[in-house]
Amino acid sequence: MYKISVVVATYNSGDFLSEFLDSIKSQSLGFEDIEVIFVDDASTDSCTLDLLNNFNESYPNVSAVFLDENSGFPGTGRNRGLDLAGGEYVIFADHDDSYVENAF
């Protein structure tokens, strides 16, 4: 079981995703104790979709979920991610957030 699940609702946010994930990977808690769940709200840009697929394939503790239809509301993705979260604690993050090393 993971210590923390980080749920991130995304939509056409590719420019920010690598920086966000890098900040999660650098946490002093240890990346292996953190689950990251990206829930994409039917993005239309290939950058976001390519990055999320890459993260999903590259890291066993990162998953990407793709909604079939855009809801236009980040709460939809957050609720879906919350349903999937397996961590002891859950944090909701935005795609353009980044965290300092000791945040977790």
N, C-alpha and C. Protein backbone atom coordinates (compact mmCIF):
# COMPACT_ATOMS: atom_id res chain seq x y z
N MET A 1 0.84 -1.19 0.00
CA MET A 1 0.00 0.00 0.00
C MET A 1 0.88 1.24 0.00
N TYR A 2 0.46 2.24 -0.72
CA TYR A 2 1.18 3.50 -0.78
C TYR A 2 0.84 4.36 0.44
N LYS A 3 1.78 5.19 0.82
CA LYS A 3 1.56 6.12 1.93
C LYS A 3 0.64 7.27 1.47
N ILE A 4 0.91 7.79 0.27
CA ILE A 4 0.15 8.93 -0.25
C ILE A 4 -0.29 8.65 -1.68
N SER A 5 -1.53 8.96 -1.98
CA SER A 5 -2.03 8.97 -3.35
C SER A 5 -2.22 10.42 -3.75
N VAL A 6 -1.67 10.78 -4.89
CA VAL A 6 -1.80 12.13 -5.43
C VAL A 6 -2.71 12.04 -6.65
N VAL A 7 -3.84 12.70 -6.60
CA VAL A 7 -4.82 12.68 -7.68
C VAL A 7 -4.73 14.00 -8.43
N VAL A 8 -4.54 13.91 -9.75
CA VAL A 8 -4.37 15.10 -10.57
C VAL A 8 -5.35 15.06 -11.74
N ALA A 9 -6.26 16.01 -11.77
CA ALA A 9 -7.17 16.16 -12.91
C ALA A 9 -6.44 16.96 -13.98
N THR A 10 -6.46 16.47 -15.21
CA THR A 10 -5.76 17.15 -16.30
C THR A 10 -6.69 17.43 -17.46
N TYR A 11 -6.34 18.48 -18.20
CA TYR A 11 -6.99 18.79 -19.46
C TYR A 11 -6.06 19.71 -20.25
N ASN A 12 -5.54 19.22 -21.36
CA ASN A 12 -4.62 20.00 -22.20
C ASN A 12 -3.54 20.69 -21.37
N SER A 13 -2.91 19.96 -20.51
CA SER A 13 -1.96 20.54 -19.56
C SER A 13 -0.55 20.01 -19.74
N GLY A 14 -0.22 19.54 -20.92
CA GLY A 14 1.07 18.92 -21.18
C GLY A 14 2.28 19.74 -20.79
N ASP A 15 2.22 21.06 -20.95
CA ASP A 15 3.37 21.91 -20.65
C ASP A 15 3.81 21.81 -19.20
N PHE A 16 2.94 21.42 -18.31
CA PHE A 16 3.24 21.43 -16.88
C PHE A 16 3.51 20.04 -16.30
N LEU A 17 3.15 19.00 -16.99
CA LEU A 17 3.11 17.67 -16.38
C LEU A 17 4.48 17.11 -16.00
N SER A 18 5.49 17.34 -16.81
CA SER A 18 6.83 16.82 -16.48
C SER A 18 7.38 17.49 -15.24
N GLU A 19 7.23 18.80 -15.15
CA GLU A 19 7.70 19.53 -13.96
C GLU A 19 6.95 19.06 -12.71
N PHE A 20 5.65 18.86 -12.85
CA PHE A 20 4.86 18.37 -11.73
C PHE A 20 5.37 17.02 -11.26
N LEU A 21 5.52 16.07 -12.18
CA LEU A 21 5.95 14.73 -11.79
C LEU A 21 7.37 14.75 -11.23
N ASP A 22 8.24 15.57 -11.78
CA ASP A 22 9.60 15.69 -11.23
C ASP A 22 9.56 16.13 -9.77
N SER A 23 8.66 17.04 -9.43
CA SER A 23 8.57 17.50 -8.04
C SER A 23 8.06 16.39 -7.12
N ILE A 24 7.22 15.52 -7.63
CA ILE A 24 6.75 14.37 -6.85
C ILE A 24 7.87 13.35 -6.69
N LYS A 25 8.62 13.12 -7.73
CA LYS A 25 9.72 12.15 -7.69
C LYS A 25 10.82 12.57 -6.72
N SER A 26 10.94 13.84 -6.44
CA SER A 26 12.02 14.33 -5.57
C SER A 26 11.62 14.43 -4.10
N GLN A 27 10.46 13.90 -3.75
CA GLN A 27 10.01 14.00 -2.36
C GLN A 27 10.87 13.17 -1.42
N SER A 28 11.13 13.73 -0.24
CA SER A 28 11.96 13.04 0.74
C SER A 28 11.28 11.78 1.29
N LEU A 29 9.96 11.68 1.20
CA LEU A 29 9.24 10.48 1.62
C LEU A 29 9.71 9.27 0.82
N GLY A 30 10.02 9.51 -0.45
CA GLY A 30 10.41 8.44 -1.36
C GLY A 30 9.34 8.22 -2.40
N PHE A 31 9.71 8.32 -3.65
CA PHE A 31 8.76 8.21 -4.76
C PHE A 31 8.04 6.86 -4.75
N GLU A 32 8.73 5.82 -4.28
CA GLU A 32 8.13 4.48 -4.26
C GLU A 32 6.96 4.37 -3.28
N ASP A 33 6.83 5.31 -2.36
CA ASP A 33 5.73 5.32 -1.40
C ASP A 33 4.58 6.24 -1.82
N ILE A 34 4.67 6.77 -3.04
CA ILE A 34 3.68 7.72 -3.54
C ILE A 34 3.03 7.15 -4.80
N GLU A 35 1.71 7.13 -4.81
CA GLU A 35 0.95 6.75 -5.98
C GLU A 35 0.45 8.03 -6.65
N VAL A 36 0.62 8.12 -7.96
CA VAL A 36 0.14 9.29 -8.70
C VAL A 36 -0.92 8.82 -9.69
N ILE A 37 -2.09 9.42 -9.60
CA ILE A 37 -3.19 9.07 -10.50
C ILE A 37 -3.58 10.31 -11.29
N PHE A 38 -3.29 10.29 -12.58
CA PHE A 38 -3.72 11.36 -13.47
C PHE A 38 -5.06 10.95 -14.07
N VAL A 39 -6.03 11.84 -14.00
CA VAL A 39 -7.32 11.59 -14.64
C VAL A 39 -7.52 12.68 -15.67
N ASP A 40 -7.47 12.28 -16.94
CA ASP A 40 -7.55 13.25 -18.03
C ASP A 40 -8.99 13.43 -18.49
N ASP A 41 -9.40 14.68 -18.59
CA ASP A 41 -10.77 15.06 -18.95
C ASP A 41 -10.92 15.23 -20.45
N ALA A 42 -10.53 14.19 -21.20
CA ALA A 42 -10.66 14.16 -22.67
C ALA A 42 -9.87 15.27 -23.35
N SER A 43 -8.58 15.35 -23.02
CA SER A 43 -7.70 16.34 -23.65
C SER A 43 -7.71 16.18 -25.17
N THR A 44 -7.48 17.30 -25.84
CA THR A 44 -7.45 17.29 -27.30
C THR A 44 -6.05 17.52 -27.85
N ASP A 45 -5.07 17.76 -26.98
CA ASP A 45 -3.70 17.98 -27.46
C ASP A 45 -2.87 16.70 -27.29
N SER A 46 -2.09 16.39 -28.29
CA SER A 46 -1.31 15.16 -28.27
C SER A 46 -0.20 15.20 -27.23
N CYS A 47 0.29 16.37 -26.88
CA CYS A 47 1.36 16.49 -25.88
C CYS A 47 0.91 15.90 -24.54
N THR A 48 -0.25 16.30 -24.08
CA THR A 48 -0.78 15.78 -22.81
C THR A 48 -0.97 14.27 -22.89
N LEU A 49 -1.60 13.81 -23.93
CA LEU A 49 -1.89 12.38 -24.08
C LEU A 49 -0.61 11.56 -24.17
N ASP A 50 0.37 12.04 -24.92
CA ASP A 50 1.65 11.33 -25.05
C ASP A 50 2.38 11.26 -23.71
N LEU A 51 2.43 12.38 -23.00
CA LEU A 51 3.11 12.39 -21.69
C LEU A 51 2.42 11.45 -20.70
N LEU A 52 1.11 11.49 -20.63
CA LEU A 52 0.40 10.63 -19.69
C LEU A 52 0.61 9.16 -20.02
N ASN A 53 0.57 8.82 -21.29
CA ASN A 53 0.84 7.43 -21.68
C ASN A 53 2.26 7.02 -21.34
N ASN A 54 3.20 7.94 -21.54
CA ASN A 54 4.60 7.67 -21.21
C ASN A 54 4.78 7.45 -19.71
N PHE A 55 4.19 8.31 -18.90
CA PHE A 55 4.27 8.15 -17.44
C PHE A 55 3.67 6.81 -17.02
N ASN A 56 2.53 6.48 -17.58
CA ASN A 56 1.82 5.25 -17.25
C ASN A 56 2.68 4.03 -17.54
N GLU A 57 3.42 4.07 -18.64
CA GLU A 57 4.28 2.95 -19.04
C GLU A 57 5.61 2.93 -18.29
N SER A 58 6.09 4.08 -17.85
CA SER A 58 7.43 4.19 -17.27
C SER A 58 7.50 3.95 -15.77
N TYR A 59 6.41 4.16 -15.06
CA TYR A 59 6.43 4.10 -13.60
C TYR A 59 5.30 3.21 -13.10
N PRO A 60 5.63 2.19 -12.30
CA PRO A 60 4.57 1.29 -11.81
C PRO A 60 3.60 1.96 -10.83
N ASN A 61 4.01 3.07 -10.23
CA ASN A 61 3.16 3.75 -9.25
C ASN A 61 2.45 4.97 -9.84
N VAL A 62 2.50 5.11 -11.16
CA VAL A 62 1.80 6.20 -11.84
C VAL A 62 0.79 5.58 -12.79
N SER A 63 -0.45 6.06 -12.71
CA SER A 63 -1.47 5.58 -13.64
C SER A 63 -2.17 6.77 -14.28
N ALA A 64 -2.58 6.54 -15.50
CA ALA A 64 -3.32 7.55 -16.25
C ALA A 64 -4.67 6.96 -16.63
N VAL A 65 -5.71 7.70 -16.33
CA VAL A 65 -7.07 7.31 -16.65
C VAL A 65 -7.61 8.36 -17.62
N PHE A 66 -8.25 7.91 -18.65
CA PHE A 66 -8.74 8.83 -19.68
C PHE A 66 -10.26 8.79 -19.73
N LEU A 67 -10.88 9.92 -19.44
CA LEU A 67 -12.34 10.02 -19.53
C LEU A 67 -12.74 10.12 -20.99
N ASP A 68 -13.86 9.50 -21.35
CA ASP A 68 -14.32 9.49 -22.74
C ASP A 68 -14.89 10.82 -23.19
N GLU A 69 -15.42 11.58 -22.24
CA GLU A 69 -16.10 12.81 -22.56
C GLU A 69 -15.65 13.92 -21.62
N ASN A 70 -15.44 15.12 -22.15
CA ASN A 70 -15.02 16.24 -21.32
C ASN A 70 -16.16 16.69 -20.43
N SER A 71 -15.88 16.73 -19.13
CA SER A 71 -16.90 17.18 -18.18
C SER A 71 -16.81 18.68 -17.95
N GLY A 72 -15.63 19.27 -18.22
CA GLY A 72 -15.45 20.70 -18.00
C GLY A 72 -15.34 21.07 -16.54
N PHE A 73 -15.20 20.09 -15.67
CA PHE A 73 -15.18 20.33 -14.23
C PHE A 73 -14.12 19.44 -13.59
N PRO A 74 -13.11 20.02 -12.92
CA PRO A 74 -12.05 19.18 -12.34
C PRO A 74 -12.54 18.22 -11.27
N GLY A 75 -13.68 18.49 -10.67
CA GLY A 75 -14.21 17.60 -9.64
C GLY A 75 -14.52 16.21 -10.17
N THR A 76 -14.87 16.12 -11.45
CA THR A 76 -15.16 14.82 -12.05
C THR A 76 -13.91 13.94 -12.02
N GLY A 77 -12.79 14.48 -12.46
CA GLY A 77 -11.53 13.74 -12.44
C GLY A 77 -11.06 13.44 -11.03
N ARG A 78 -11.22 14.38 -10.14
CA ARG A 78 -10.82 14.17 -8.76
C ARG A 78 -11.63 13.05 -8.11
N ASN A 79 -12.92 13.04 -8.35
CA ASN A 79 -13.76 11.99 -7.78
C ASN A 79 -13.40 10.62 -8.35
N ARG A 80 -13.13 10.56 -9.64
CA ARG A 80 -12.72 9.29 -10.26
C ARG A 80 -11.39 8.82 -9.67
N GLY A 81 -10.44 9.75 -9.52
CA GLY A 81 -9.15 9.41 -8.93
C GLY A 81 -9.28 8.97 -7.49
N LEU A 82 -10.16 9.61 -6.74
CA LEU A 82 -10.38 9.23 -5.35
C LEU A 82 -10.90 7.80 -5.26
N ASP A 83 -11.77 7.42 -6.18
CA ASP A 83 -12.28 6.04 -6.21
C ASP A 83 -11.16 5.03 -6.44
N LEU A 84 -10.13 5.43 -7.17
CA LEU A 84 -9.03 4.52 -7.52
C LEU A 84 -7.88 4.55 -6.52
N ALA A 85 -7.82 5.58 -5.70
CA ALA A 85 -6.68 5.79 -4.80
C ALA A 85 -6.57 4.67 -3.76
N GLY A 86 -5.34 4.21 -3.57
CA GLY A 86 -5.10 3.16 -2.59
C GLY A 86 -4.20 3.59 -1.46
N GLY A 87 -3.82 4.86 -1.43
CA GLY A 87 -2.91 5.35 -0.41
C GLY A 87 -3.58 5.57 0.93
N GLU A 88 -2.75 5.63 1.95
CA GLU A 88 -3.25 5.92 3.30
C GLU A 88 -3.81 7.34 3.38
N TYR A 89 -3.18 8.25 2.66
CA TYR A 89 -3.62 9.65 2.57
C TYR A 89 -3.80 10.00 1.10
N VAL A 90 -4.71 10.94 0.83
CA VAL A 90 -4.96 11.39 -0.54
C VAL A 90 -4.75 12.89 -0.61
N ILE A 91 -4.02 13.29 -1.64
CA ILE A 91 -3.81 14.71 -1.91
C ILE A 91 -4.35 15.00 -3.31
N PHE A 92 -5.12 16.06 -3.43
CA PHE A 92 -5.56 16.52 -4.74
C PHE A 92 -4.61 17.62 -5.19
N ALA A 93 -4.05 17.45 -6.37
CA ALA A 93 -3.11 18.43 -6.91
C ALA A 93 -3.61 18.92 -8.26
N ASP A 94 -3.19 20.11 -8.61
CA ASP A 94 -3.46 20.64 -9.95
C ASP A 94 -2.24 20.39 -10.82
N HIS A 95 -2.47 20.31 -12.11
CA HIS A 95 -1.40 19.98 -13.05
C HIS A 95 -0.24 20.99 -13.03
N ASP A 96 -0.50 22.21 -12.63
CA ASP A 96 0.56 23.22 -12.62
C ASP A 96 1.16 23.44 -11.23
N ASP A 97 0.86 22.55 -10.30
CA ASP A 97 1.50 22.60 -8.98
C ASP A 97 2.88 21.99 -9.06
N SER A 98 3.72 22.37 -8.13
CA SER A 98 4.99 21.66 -7.90
C SER A 98 5.28 21.75 -6.41
N TYR A 99 5.99 20.76 -5.92
CA TYR A 99 6.21 20.64 -4.49
C TYR A 99 7.70 20.67 -4.17
N VAL A 100 8.05 21.37 -3.09
CA VAL A 100 9.43 21.39 -2.63
C VAL A 100 9.75 20.02 -2.05
N GLU A 101 11.03 19.73 -1.89
CA GLU A 101 11.51 18.39 -1.56
C GLU A 101 10.87 17.78 -0.30
N ASN A 102 10.63 18.54 0.72
CA ASN A 102 10.10 17.99 1.97
C ASN A 102 8.60 18.19 2.15
N ALA A 103 7.88 18.44 1.08
CA ALA A 103 6.44 18.67 1.20
C ALA A 103 5.71 17.41 1.66
N PHE A 104 6.18 16.25 1.23
CA PHE A 104 5.57 14.98 1.64
C PHE A 104 6.49 14.29 2.62
